[in-house]
PDB file of N, CA and C in Angstrom:
ATOM      1  N   MET A   1     -19.926   2.430 -12.259  1.00  0.00           N
ATOM      2  CA  MET A   1     -18.733   2.678 -11.661  1.00  0.00           C
ATOM      3  C   MET A   1     -17.701   1.323 -11.549  1.00  0.00           C
ATOM      4  N   SER A   2     -16.468   1.612 -11.576  1.00  0.00           N
ATOM      5  CA  SER A   2     -15.739   0.251 -11.604  1.00  0.00           C
ATOM      6  C   SER A   2     -14.807   0.039  -9.983  1.00  0.00           C
ATOM      7  N   ASP A   3     -14.746  -0.875  -9.904  1.00  0.00           N
ATOM      8  CA  ASP A   3     -14.313  -1.214  -8.535  1.00  0.00           C
ATOM      9  C   ASP A   3     -12.805  -1.051  -8.246  1.00  0.00           C
ATOM     10  N   ARG A   4     -12.209  -1.327  -9.740  1.00  0.00           N
ATOM     11  CA  ARG A   4     -10.880  -0.972  -9.873  1.00  0.00           C
ATOM     12  C   ARG A   4      -9.976  -0.084  -9.222  1.00  0.00           C
ATOM     13  N   ILE A   5      -8.835  -0.453  -8.282  1.00  0.00           N
ATOM     14  CA  ILE A   5      -8.175   0.790  -7.812  1.00  0.00           C
ATOM     15  C   ILE A   5      -7.493   1.633  -8.420  1.00  0.00           C
ATOM     16  N   ASP A   6      -7.630   3.055  -8.621  1.00  0.00           N
ATOM     17  CA  ASP A   6      -6.758   4.001  -9.550  1.00  0.00           C
ATOM     18  C   ASP A   6      -5.491   4.041  -9.095  1.00  0.00           C
ATOM     19  N   ASN A   7      -4.497   3.176  -9.971  1.00  0.00           N
ATOM     20  CA  ASN A   7      -2.942   3.009  -9.614  1.00  0.00           C
ATOM     21  C   ASN A   7      -2.137   3.986 -10.058  1.00  0.00           C
ATOM     22  N   GLY A   8      -2.838   5.380 -10.688  1.00  0.00           N
ATOM     23  CA  GLY A   8      -2.139   6.440 -10.827  1.00  0.00           C
ATOM     24  C   GLY A   8      -1.553   6.417 -12.531  1.00  0.00           C
ATOM     25  N   GLY A   9      -1.597   5.712 -12.710  1.00  0.00           N
ATOM     26  CA  GLY A   9      -1.159   5.401 -14.363  1.00  0.00           C
ATOM     27  C   GLY A   9       0.657   4.801 -13.954  1.00  0.00           C
ATOM     28  N   PRO A  10       1.553   4.713 -14.752  1.00  0.00           N
ATOM     29  CA  PRO A  10       2.949   4.558 -14.902  1.00  0.00           C
ATOM     30  C   PRO A  10       3.729   5.235 -14.191  1.00  0.00           C
ATOM     31  N   ALA A  11       4.717   5.230 -12.844  1.00  0.00           N
ATOM     32  CA  ALA A  11       5.482   5.836 -12.497  1.00  0.00           C
ATOM     33  C   ALA A  11       6.256   6.330 -13.050  1.00  0.00           C
ATOM     34  N   PHE A  12       7.108   5.838 -13.779  1.00  0.00           N
ATOM     35  CA  PHE A  12       8.349   6.237 -14.839  1.00  0.00           C
ATOM     36  C   PHE A  12       7.860   5.835 -16.604  1.00  0.00           C
ATOM     37  N   PRO A  13       7.028   6.441 -17.007  1.00  0.00           N
ATOM     38  CA  PRO A  13       6.631   6.141 -18.516  1.00  0.00           C
ATOM     39  C   PRO A  13       7.417   6.567 -19.766  1.00  0.00           C
ATOM     40  N   ALA A  14       7.759   5.354 -20.109  1.00  0.00           N
ATOM     41  CA  ALA A  14       8.564   4.905 -21.623  1.00  0.00           C
ATOM     42  C   ALA A  14       7.703   5.261 -22.250  1.00  0.00           C
ATOM     43  N   CYS A  15       6.125   5.603 -22.381  1.00  0.00           N
ATOM     44  CA  CYS A  15       5.458   5.151 -23.617  1.00  0.00           C
ATOM     45  C   CYS A  15       4.408   6.612 -23.196  1.00  0.00           C
ATOM     46  N   ASN A  16       3.720   6.579 -24.011  1.00  0.00           N
ATOM     47  CA  ASN A  16       2.373   7.419 -23.797  1.00  0.00           C
ATOM     48  C   ASN A  16       1.697   6.627 -23.122  1.00  0.00           C
ATOM     49  N   GLU A  17       0.669   7.314 -22.102  1.00  0.00           N
ATOM     50  CA  GLU A  17      -0.313   6.607 -21.533  1.00  0.00           C
ATOM     51  C   GLU A  17      -1.107   5.961 -21.868  1.00  0.00           C
ATOM     52  N   ALA A  18      -1.654   6.556 -23.367  1.00  0.00           N
ATOM     53  CA  ALA A  18      -2.699   5.498 -24.289  1.00  0.00           C
ATOM     54  C   ALA A  18      -2.384   3.937 -24.314  1.00  0.00           C
ATOM     55  N   ASN A  19      -0.843   4.255 -24.562  1.00  0.00           N
ATOM     56  CA  ASN A  19      -0.586   2.471 -24.858  1.00  0.00           C
ATOM     57  C   ASN A  19      -0.249   2.035 -23.701  1.00  0.00           C
ATOM     58  N   TYR A  20      -0.439   2.469 -22.270  1.00  0.00           N
ATOM     59  CA  TYR A  20       0.170   1.567 -20.993  1.00  0.00           C
ATOM     60  C   TYR A  20      -0.606   0.528 -20.587  1.00  0.00           C
ATOM     61  N   ASN A  21       0.085  -0.371 -20.272  1.00  0.00           N
ATOM     62  CA  ASN A  21      -0.983  -1.578 -19.439  1.00  0.00           C
ATOM     63  C   ASN A  21      -0.094  -1.785 -18.307  1.00  0.00           C
ATOM     64  N   ASP A  22      -0.872  -2.643 -17.579  1.00  0.00           N
ATOM     65  CA  ASP A  22      -0.124  -3.024 -16.352  1.00  0.00           C
ATOM     66  C   ASP A  22       0.783  -3.731 -15.985  1.00  0.00           C
ATOM     67  N   THR A  23       1.378  -4.282 -17.472  1.00  0.00           N
ATOM     68  CA  THR A  23       2.837  -5.266 -17.161  1.00  0.00           C
ATOM     69  C   THR A  23       3.765  -4.828 -17.774  1.00  0.00           C
ATOM     70  N   MET A  24       3.724  -3.146 -17.965  1.00  0.00           N
ATOM     71  CA  MET A  24       4.474  -2.533 -18.054  1.00  0.00           C
ATOM     72  C   MET A  24       5.406  -1.907 -17.398  1.00  0.00           C
ATOM     73  N   GLY A  25       5.367  -2.284 -16.008  1.00  0.00           N
ATOM     74  CA  GLY A  25       6.388  -1.550 -14.713  1.00  0.00           C
ATOM     75  C   GLY A  25       5.532  -1.747 -13.520  1.00  0.00           C
ATOM     76  N   MET A  26       6.258  -0.256 -12.782  1.00  0.00           N
ATOM     77  CA  MET A  26       5.736  -0.028 -11.557  1.00  0.00           C
ATOM     78  C   MET A  26       5.060   1.257 -11.860  1.00  0.00           C
ATOM     79  N   THR A  27       3.326   0.780 -10.989  1.00  0.00           N
ATOM     80  CA  THR A  27       2.618   2.103 -11.030  1.00  0.00           C
ATOM     81  C   THR A  27       3.538   3.150 -10.003  1.00  0.00           C
ATOM     82  N   LEU A  28       2.467   4.223 -10.544  1.00  0.00           N
ATOM     83  CA  LEU A  28       2.041   5.529  -9.499  1.00  0.00           C
ATOM     84  C   LEU A  28       1.811   5.122  -7.864  1.00  0.00           C
ATOM     85  N   ARG A  29       0.937   4.176  -8.319  1.00  0.00           N
ATOM     86  CA  ARG A  29       0.532   3.600  -6.721  1.00  0.00           C
ATOM     87  C   ARG A  29       1.358   3.073  -5.881  1.00  0.00           C
ATOM     88  N   ASP A  30       2.249   2.015  -6.829  1.00  0.00           N
ATOM     89  CA  ASP A  30       3.243   1.130  -6.039  1.00  0.00           C
ATOM     90  C   ASP A  30       4.270   2.244  -5.662  1.00  0.00           C
ATOM     91  N   TRP A  31       4.989   3.296  -6.578  1.00  0.00           N
ATOM     92  CA  TRP A  31       5.887   4.048  -6.057  1.00  0.00           C
ATOM     93  C   TRP A  31       5.652   4.952  -4.986  1.00  0.00           C
ATOM     94  N   PHE A  32       4.288   5.509  -4.759  1.00  0.00           N
ATOM     95  CA  PHE A  32       3.663   6.264  -3.695  1.00  0.00           C
ATOM     96  C   PHE A  32       4.125   5.315  -2.314  1.00  0.00           C
ATOM     97  N   ALA A  33       3.304   4.218  -2.514  1.00  0.00           N
ATOM     98  CA  ALA A  33       3.287   2.831  -1.375  1.00  0.00           C
ATOM     99  C   ALA A  33       4.900   3.056  -0.732  1.00  0.00           C
ATOM    100  N   GLY A  34       5.996   2.537  -1.548  1.00  0.00           N
ATOM    101  CA  GLY A  34       7.153   2.797  -1.559  1.00  0.00           C
ATOM    102  C   GLY A  34       7.794   3.912  -0.652  1.00  0.00           C
ATOM    103  N   GLN A  35       7.447   4.994  -0.991  1.00  0.00           N
ATOM    104  CA  GLN A  35       7.873   5.884  -0.943  1.00  0.00           C
ATOM    105  C   GLN A  35       7.228   7.085   0.902  1.00  0.00           C
ATOM    106  N   ALA A  36       6.224   6.395   1.092  1.00  0.00           N
ATOM    107  CA  ALA A  36       5.185   6.289   2.020  1.00  0.00           C
ATOM    108  C   ALA A  36       5.697   6.662   3.104  1.00  0.00           C
ATOM    109  N   SER A  37       6.056   7.610   4.066  1.00  0.00           N
ATOM    110  CA  SER A  37       6.618   7.299   5.573  1.00  0.00           C
ATOM    111  C   SER A  37       5.555   6.357   6.245  1.00  0.00           C
ATOM    112  N   VAL A  38       6.452   5.538   7.149  1.00  0.00           N
ATOM    113  CA  VAL A  38       5.842   4.472   8.189  1.00  0.00           C
ATOM    114  C   VAL A  38       6.780   4.974   9.498  1.00  0.00           C
ATOM    115  N   GLY A  39       6.454   5.130  10.615  1.00  0.00           N
ATOM    116  CA  GLY A  39       7.116   5.244  11.811  1.00  0.00           C
ATOM    117  C   GLY A  39       7.528   4.115  12.320  1.00  0.00           C
ATOM    118  N   VAL A  40       8.281   4.070  13.205  1.00  0.00           N
ATOM    119  CA  VAL A  40       8.726   2.725  13.944  1.00  0.00           C
ATOM    120  C   VAL A  40       7.677   2.032  14.473  1.00  0.00           C
ATOM    121  N   ASP A  41       6.684   3.050  15.290  1.00  0.00           N
ATOM    122  CA  ASP A  41       5.735   2.479  15.960  1.00  0.00           C
ATOM    123  C   ASP A  41       4.304   2.290  15.153  1.00  0.00           C
ATOM    124  N   GLU A  42       4.130   2.285  13.655  1.00  0.00           N
ATOM    125  CA  GLU A  42       3.602   2.412  12.896  1.00  0.00           C
ATOM    126  C   GLU A  42       3.107   1.095  12.083  1.00  0.00           C
ATOM    127  N   PRO A  43       1.942   0.075  11.763  1.00  0.00           N
ATOM    128  CA  PRO A  43       0.745   0.891  12.424  1.00  0.00           C
ATOM    129  C   PRO A  43       0.242   0.705  13.790  1.00  0.00           C
ATOM    130  N   HIS A  44      -0.211   1.041  14.698  1.00  0.00           N
ATOM    131  CA  HIS A  44      -0.729   1.025  16.042  1.00  0.00           C
ATOM    132  C   HIS A  44      -1.183  -0.434  16.230  1.00  0.00           C
ATOM    133  N   PRO A  45      -0.693  -1.017  17.236  1.00  0.00           N
ATOM    134  CA  PRO A  45      -1.535  -2.659  17.080  1.00  0.00           C
ATOM    135  C   PRO A  45      -2.600  -2.738  16.786  1.00  0.00           C
ATOM    136  N   ASP A  46      -3.881  -2.104  17.327  1.00  0.00           N
ATOM    137  CA  ASP A  46      -5.138  -2.033  16.659  1.00  0.00           C
ATOM    138  C   ASP A  46      -5.450  -2.024  15.688  1.00  0.00           C
ATOM    139  N   VAL A  47      -4.703  -0.551  15.063  1.00  0.00           N
ATOM    140  CA  VAL A  47      -4.703  -0.367  13.391  1.00  0.00           C
ATOM    141  C   VAL A  47      -4.481  -1.935  12.616  1.00  0.00           C
ATOM    142  N   ALA A  48      -3.345  -2.252  12.927  1.00  0.00           N
ATOM    143  CA  ALA A  48      -2.811  -3.426  12.848  1.00  0.00           C
ATOM    144  C   ALA A  48      -3.684  -4.831  12.411  1.00  0.00           C
ATOM    145  N   LYS A  49      -4.269  -4.809  13.656  1.00  0.00           N
ATOM    146  CA  LYS A  49      -5.424  -6.058  13.897  1.00  0.00           C
ATOM    147  C   LYS A  49      -6.459  -5.850  13.040  1.00  0.00           C
ATOM    148  N   ALA A  50      -6.951  -4.669  12.555  1.00  0.00           N
ATOM    149  CA  ALA A  50      -8.121  -4.116  11.522  1.00  0.00           C
ATOM    150  C   ALA A  50      -7.904  -4.632  10.608  1.00  0.00           C
ATOM    151  N   LEU A  51      -6.575  -4.169  10.196  1.00  0.00           N
ATOM    152  CA  LEU A  51      -6.019  -4.158   8.733  1.00  0.00           C
ATOM    153  C   LEU A  51      -5.757  -5.523   8.361  1.00  0.00           C
ATOM    154  N   MET A  52      -5.084  -6.200   9.225  1.00  0.00           N
ATOM    155  CA  MET A  52      -5.280  -7.907   9.291  1.00  0.00           C
ATOM    156  C   MET A  52      -6.455  -8.566   9.271  1.00  0.00           C
ATOM    157  N   ARG A  53      -7.488  -8.110   9.854  1.00  0.00           N
ATOM    158  CA  ARG A  53      -8.362  -8.924  10.544  1.00  0.00           C
ATOM    159  C   ARG A  53      -7.973 -10.181  11.463  1.00  0.00           C
ATOM    160  N   SER A  54      -7.303 -10.467  11.946  1.00  0.00           N
ATOM    161  CA  SER A  54      -6.776 -11.270  12.944  1.00  0.00           C
ATOM    162  C   SER A  54      -6.214 -10.982  13.975  1.00  0.00           C
ATOM    163  N   GLU A  55      -5.436 -11.882  15.011  1.00  0.00           N
ATOM    164  CA  GLU A  55      -4.856 -11.708  16.197  1.00  0.00           C
ATOM    165  C   GLU A  55      -3.034 -11.693  15.624  1.00  0.00           C
ATOM    166  N   ILE A  56      -2.565 -10.812  16.563  1.00  0.00           N
ATOM    167  CA  ILE A  56      -0.907 -10.578  16.071  1.00  0.00           C
ATOM    168  C   ILE A  56      -0.287 -12.091  16.907  1.00  0.00           C
ATOM    169  N   PRO A  57       0.529 -12.708  15.943  1.00  0.00           N
ATOM    170  CA  PRO A  57       0.666 -13.711  16.069  1.00  0.00           C
ATOM    171  C   PRO A  57       1.752 -13.517  17.150  1.00  0.00           C
ATOM    172  N   ASN A  58       1.901 -14.574  18.012  1.00  0.00           N
ATOM    173  CA  ASN A  58       2.913 -14.492  19.301  1.00  0.00           C
ATOM    174  C   ASN A  58       4.458 -14.639  19.076  1.00  0.00           C
ATOM    175  N   TRP A  59       5.292 -13.717  18.948  1.00  0.00           N
ATOM    176  CA  TRP A  59       6.767 -13.280  18.579  1.00  0.00           C
ATOM    177  C   TRP A  59       7.442 -14.511  19.070  1.00  0.00           C
ATOM    178  N   ALA A  60       7.053 -14.978  20.407  1.00  0.00           N
ATOM    179  CA  ALA A  60       7.914 -16.344  21.436  1.00  0.00           C
ATOM    180  C   ALA A  60       7.144 -17.774  20.379  1.00  0.00           C
ATOM    181  N   ASP A  61       6.071 -17.535  19.837  1.00  0.00           N
ATOM    182  CA  ASP A  61       5.875 -19.345  19.400  1.00  0.00           C
ATOM    183  C   ASP A  61       6.199 -19.501  17.859  1.00  0.00           C
ATOM    184  N   ASP A  62       6.057 -18.086  17.071  1.00  0.00           N
ATOM    185  CA  ASP A  62       6.609 -18.067  15.527  1.00  0.00           C
ATOM    186  C   ASP A  62       7.008 -16.763  15.562  1.00  0.00           C
ATOM    187  N   PRO A  63       8.516 -16.264  15.572  1.00  0.00           N
ATOM    188  CA  PRO A  63       8.626 -15.160  15.396  1.00  0.00           C
ATOM    189  C   PRO A  63       9.031 -14.925  13.981  1.00  0.00           C
ATOM    190  N   ILE A  64       9.081 -15.944  12.903  1.00  0.00           N
ATOM    191  CA  ILE A  64       8.833 -15.778  11.371  1.00  0.00           C
ATOM    192  C   ILE A  64       7.549 -15.544  10.966  1.00  0.00           C
ATOM    193  N   ALA A  65       6.605 -16.130  11.667  1.00  0.00           N
ATOM    194  CA  ALA A  65       5.265 -15.682  11.189  1.00  0.00           C
ATOM    195  C   ALA A  65       4.973 -14.408  11.922  1.00  0.00           C
ATOM    196  N   ALA A  66       5.332 -13.574  13.068  1.00  0.00           N
ATOM    197  CA  ALA A  66       5.009 -12.499  13.505  1.00  0.00           C
ATOM    198  C   ALA A  66       5.828 -11.685  12.515  1.00  0.00           C
ATOM    199  N   THR A  67       6.773 -11.767  12.151  1.00  0.00           N
ATOM    200  CA  THR A  67       7.796 -10.732  10.750  1.00  0.00           C
ATOM    201  C   THR A  67       6.883 -10.609   9.677  1.00  0.00           C
ATOM    202  N   PHE A  68       6.423 -11.724   9.088  1.00  0.00           N
ATOM    203  CA  PHE A  68       5.200 -11.558   8.213  1.00  0.00           C
ATOM    204  C   PHE A  68       4.410 -10.787   8.449  1.00  0.00           C
ATOM    205  N   TRP A  69       3.667 -11.127   9.557  1.00  0.00           N
ATOM    206  CA  TRP A  69       2.126 -10.324   9.736  1.00  0.00           C
ATOM    207  C   TRP A  69       2.597  -8.923   9.714  1.00  0.00           C
ATOM    208  N   TRP A  70       3.749  -8.501  10.679  1.00  0.00           N
ATOM    209  CA  TRP A  70       3.649  -6.713  10.827  1.00  0.00           C
ATOM    210  C   TRP A  70       4.080  -6.721   9.803  1.00  0.00           C
ATOM    211  N   ALA A  71       5.126  -7.237   8.443  1.00  0.00           N
ATOM    212  CA  ALA A  71       5.431  -6.519   6.917  1.00  0.00           C
ATOM    213  C   ALA A  71       4.076  -6.386   6.506  1.00  0.00           C
ATOM    214  N   GLU A  72       2.901  -7.542   6.265  1.00  0.00           N
ATOM    215  CA  GLU A  72       1.865  -7.314   5.550  1.00  0.00           C
ATOM    216  C   GLU A  72       1.150  -6.278   5.966  1.00  0.00           C
ATOM    217  N   ALA A  73       0.907  -6.170   7.167  1.00  0.00           N
ATOM    218  CA  ALA A  73       0.476  -4.869   7.804  1.00  0.00           C
ATOM    219  C   ALA A  73       0.386  -3.774   7.346  1.00  0.00           C
ATOM    220  N   GLU A  74       1.982  -3.430   7.616  1.00  0.00           N
ATOM    221  CA  GLU A  74       2.631  -1.888   7.078  1.00  0.00           C
ATOM    222  C   GLU A  74       2.579  -1.946   5.626  1.00  0.00           C
ATOM    223  N   ALA A  75       2.598  -3.196   4.863  1.00  0.00           N
ATOM    224  CA  ALA A  75       2.408  -2.480   3.617  1.00  0.00           C
ATOM    225  C   ALA A  75       1.106  -2.253   3.218  1.00  0.00           C
ATOM    226  N   LYS A  76      -0.010  -2.778   3.672  1.00  0.00           N
ATOM    227  CA  LYS A  76      -1.483  -2.301   3.768  1.00  0.00           C
ATOM    228  C   LYS A  76      -1.457  -1.040   4.053  1.00  0.00           C
ATOM    229  N   LEU A  77      -1.216  -0.300   5.121  1.00  0.00           N
ATOM    230  CA  LEU A  77      -0.967   0.872   5.501  1.00  0.00           C
ATOM    231  C   LEU A  77      -0.436   1.536   4.397  1.00  0.00           C
ATOM    232  N   ARG A  78       0.675   1.421   4.038  1.00  0.00           N
ATOM    233  CA  ARG A  78       1.508   1.810   2.921  1.00  0.00           C
ATOM    234  C   ARG A  78       0.735   2.740   1.732  1.00  0.00           C
ATOM    235  N   TYR A  79      -0.114   1.118   1.498  1.00  0.00           N
ATOM    236  CA  TYR A  79      -1.266   1.239   0.138  1.00  0.00           C
ATOM    237  C   TYR A  79      -2.087   2.018   0.654  1.00  0.00           C
ATOM    238  N   ILE A  80      -2.694   2.256   1.854  1.00  0.00           N
ATOM    239  CA  ILE A  80      -3.971   3.379   2.251  1.00  0.00           C
ATOM    240  C   ILE A  80      -3.360   4.346   1.837  1.00  0.00           C
ATOM    241  N   ARG A  81      -2.007   4.931   2.305  1.00  0.00           N
ATOM    242  CA  ARG A  81      -1.428   6.415   1.938  1.00  0.00           C
ATOM    243  C   ARG A  81      -1.050   7.003   0.760  1.00  0.00           C
ATOM    244  N   ALA A  82      -0.922   5.314  -0.062  1.00  0.00           N
ATOM    245  CA  ALA A  82      -0.933   5.782  -1.722  1.00  0.00           C
ATOM    246  C   ALA A  82      -1.932   6.138  -2.380  1.00  0.00           C
ATOM    247  N   ASP A  83      -2.747   5.365  -2.141  1.00  0.00           N
ATOM    248  CA  ASP A  83      -4.358   5.665  -2.318  1.00  0.00           C
ATOM    249  C   ASP A  83      -4.765   7.385  -2.477  1.00  0.00           C
ATOM    250  N   ALA A  84      -4.257   8.039  -0.677  1.00  0.00           N
ATOM    251  CA  ALA A  84      -4.648   8.988  -0.421  1.00  0.00           C
ATOM    252  C   ALA A  84      -4.205  10.174  -1.469  1.00  0.00           C
ATOM    253  N   MET A  85      -2.987   9.752  -1.666  1.00  0.00           N
ATOM    254  CA  MET A  85      -1.861  10.707  -2.264  1.00  0.00           C
ATOM    255  C   MET A  85      -2.408  10.722  -3.725  1.00  0.00           C
ATOM    256  N   ILE A  86      -2.808   9.380  -3.942  1.00  0.00           N
ATOM    257  CA  ILE A  86      -3.484   9.713  -5.883  1.00  0.00           C
ATOM    258  C   ILE A  86      -4.955  10.826  -5.858  1.00  0.00           C
ATOM    259  N   ALA A  87      -5.402  10.140  -4.907  1.00  0.00           N
ATOM    260  CA  ALA A  87      -6.774  11.081  -4.689  1.00  0.00           C
ATOM    261  C   ALA A  87      -6.217  12.629  -4.642  1.00  0.00           C
ATOM    262  N   ALA A  88      -5.314  12.932  -3.512  1.00  0.00           N
ATOM    263  CA  ALA A  88      -5.411  14.630  -3.481  1.00  0.00           C
ATOM    264  C   ALA A  88      -4.645  15.010  -4.789  1.00  0.00           C
ATOM    265  N   ARG A  89      -3.958  14.188  -5.136  1.00  0.00           N
ATOM    266  CA  ARG A  89      -3.318  14.600  -6.357  1.00  0.00           C
ATOM    267  C   ARG A  89      -4.468  15.344  -7.943  1.00  0.00           C
ATOM    268  N   LYS A  90      -5.158  14.698  -7.571  1.00  0.00           N
ATOM    269  CA  LYS A  90      -6.783  14.733  -8.546  1.00  0.00           C
ATOM    270  C   LYS A  90      -7.705  15.913  -7.591  1.00  0.00           C
ATOM    271  N   GLY A  91      -7.443  16.209  -6.563  1.00  0.00           N
ATOM    272  CA  GLY A  91      -7.969  17.324  -5.827  1.00  0.00           C
ATOM    273  C   GLY A  91      -9.324  16.769  -5.219  1.00  0.00           C
ATOM    274  N   GLY A  92      -9.323  15.306  -4.898  1.00  0.00           N
ATOM    275  CA  GLY A  92     -10.043  14.483  -4.072  1.00  0.00           C
ATOM    276  C   GLY A  92      -9.859  13.723  -2.801  1.00  0.00           C
ATOM    277  N   ALA A  93     -10.574  13.300  -2.037  1.00  0.00           N
ATOM    278  CA  ALA A  93     -10.406  12.348  -0.676  1.00  0.00           C
ATOM    279  C   ALA A  93     -10.184  10.853  -1.502  1.00  0.00           C
ATOM    280  N   ALA A  94      -9.266  10.403  -0.709  1.00  0.00           N
ATOM    281  CA  ALA A  94      -9.538   8.671  -1.062  1.00  0.00           C
ATOM    282  C   ALA A  94     -10.980   7.994  -0.907  1.00  0.00           C
TER     283      ALA A  94
END
């Protein structure tokens, strides 16, 4: 069994899938992550801390670090949703 994440293949294939490789552009996983809906209050701070495995930086001390921290937490949530979408397409669970 491979530990490699199923990226769903090319999002906009310009060649047949047999000749596709990871250097040929956006994957379906990337496309799904970019399209995943994330609400204004998502992820919840407790979920974000679990995703990041760290505490939330203090906005007053370093607003730039806090902004990057939250952006990375949101990106991780988007990829979780993208993985679920790929699994659902195949009739399974992520």
